[in-house]
Amino acid sequence: MGPLHIRISHALRAFRLEIALEVGTETVALVGPSGAGKTTVLRVIAGLVRPEHGAVSVGDDLWLDTRTGVSLPPERRSVGLVFQEYALFPHMTVAENVAYGGRARVAELLERFRLAPLAQARPAELSGGERQRVALARTLAREPCVLLLDEPLAALDTETRASLRAELSERLRELGLPTLLVTHDYGDAAALADRIGVLAEGQIVQLGTAADLVAAPTSAFVAEFTGLNVLRGVARPRPDGLTEIRLDDGSILYSTDVGSGHVGLVVFPWEVTLARSAPVDSARNHLSGRIRTLTPVGNRVRVRVGPLTAEITAASAAQLELRHGEHVVATFKAAGTRLVPLA
C-alpha cells in the first residue's frame, strides 16, 4: 500500500498539536508525558477525531484532507487499532473475539499467536499477555494497511511487561506494516520501535533511533525522558579546553563538550561509578551523597545518589554492600558527559 503520511494542526486545551510524520514499513513510537497529544494523533489517523487542518494518506489512498473536504469514516479506513485495555468482548471466547475482526484468517491467527489451545477460553480466564495477543490477532484479522497501538504494554504488570517486549517486537517486524505506537514509557519505545519521536506540548522535538536519542539528545527534556541524568548549571570555557559547570549548589563539574551560559550536563547512568570514598584516578567529576534508592533491573542495579542515577552491575552492588541511606561517592569522567542548552 505504501507509507503512512500524517500532517496535523489541531488545537488542544493547553497548546496546539503540530506534527508532520512519514511511517514506512517500520514501527515508529511517539513518546512523551501524559497530555502531550500522543493519543490524539492515533485518533486522527483512525478517523475518530477530525483535526482543524491536516491530511492522512497511505500510499495513494487519501483518508483525510481538510483542504479538499475529504474525510473517510473510520470503517472505510484500513486501520487496526489496539486499545490500551485491549477492549475484548468478555462474553465471547478467544476464537469469537478474533473472528469479530474477520473470519477468513481465524485459524491461522490463533496458531500464529499461540492461542489455539485457548480458543474456547474467555478473556477473564487469560493472563495479561494472552489478552494482548488476542487483541492483536483480532486487529490483524481485519487485514489492515496501518497498525496503531495505544500504550500496548501499559496494562501489564512489570514482570510480564519485560518478557513481552521482545515477543511483541518480533511480531511487529514480521508484520511489515506501517505501525505507529504511543507510550509514555521510553523503555517500551526503545524495545519496540525502529524510530522514536519525542513529543512535547504537541510537537516532535526530536526524532531518531533509540541509540540516537541517548547518544545525542538535543535538549534537557529529551535527555531526561530517555533516562539520562541532567544536572543544571552555568558553564564557562577553561584555558585547558575543558568546560567548567557550576551547579546550583556550588559544586564544580567538568565536560569535554564546549558550552557556555545555562546548560544541562548530561551524564549517562552507565558512565557513573560508585565507591565508598573518592578514588584516585583520571576522572574529574566526583559527587558525594547518600543512597536514596536501589532498583534491580535485570542483572544490573540503578542506584540514586543525590541528583544522580548510576547503573552498575548486580555483582558490583553486592561487592560494595550498598544499602539505602549510606554515603557513597559517584564518579564520572569529563569525556563521559554531554552539554545541552537550557531554554
Foldseek 3Di string as FASTA:
>chain_A
DAKKWKAAWADDDPFTAGDTDIFFLFEEEEAEDPPLCQVVRVCCLLLNDPGPAMWIAGVPRTQDGVVVPHHHHNVPALEQEQEQQRPFDQVAFLLVSLCVLPPPCSVVLCVVLVNVVRRGPGPVPDAPVVSLSSSVSSSCNVVGQEYEYEQSQPVHDPVVSVVCLQVQLVVSNVVSHRYYYYDNQLVSRLSRGQKYFYGGNNYRPDIGHLVCLCVDPQAPVSLVSNPWFWFKFFWDADPVQWIWGQGPVRDIAIANDDDGGIKIKTAGQQQKDKDADDDPDDADDKDKAFWADWDDDPQWIWTDGPRHTHIGGVVVCVVRVHDGGHMMMITGHNHRIDIHHHD
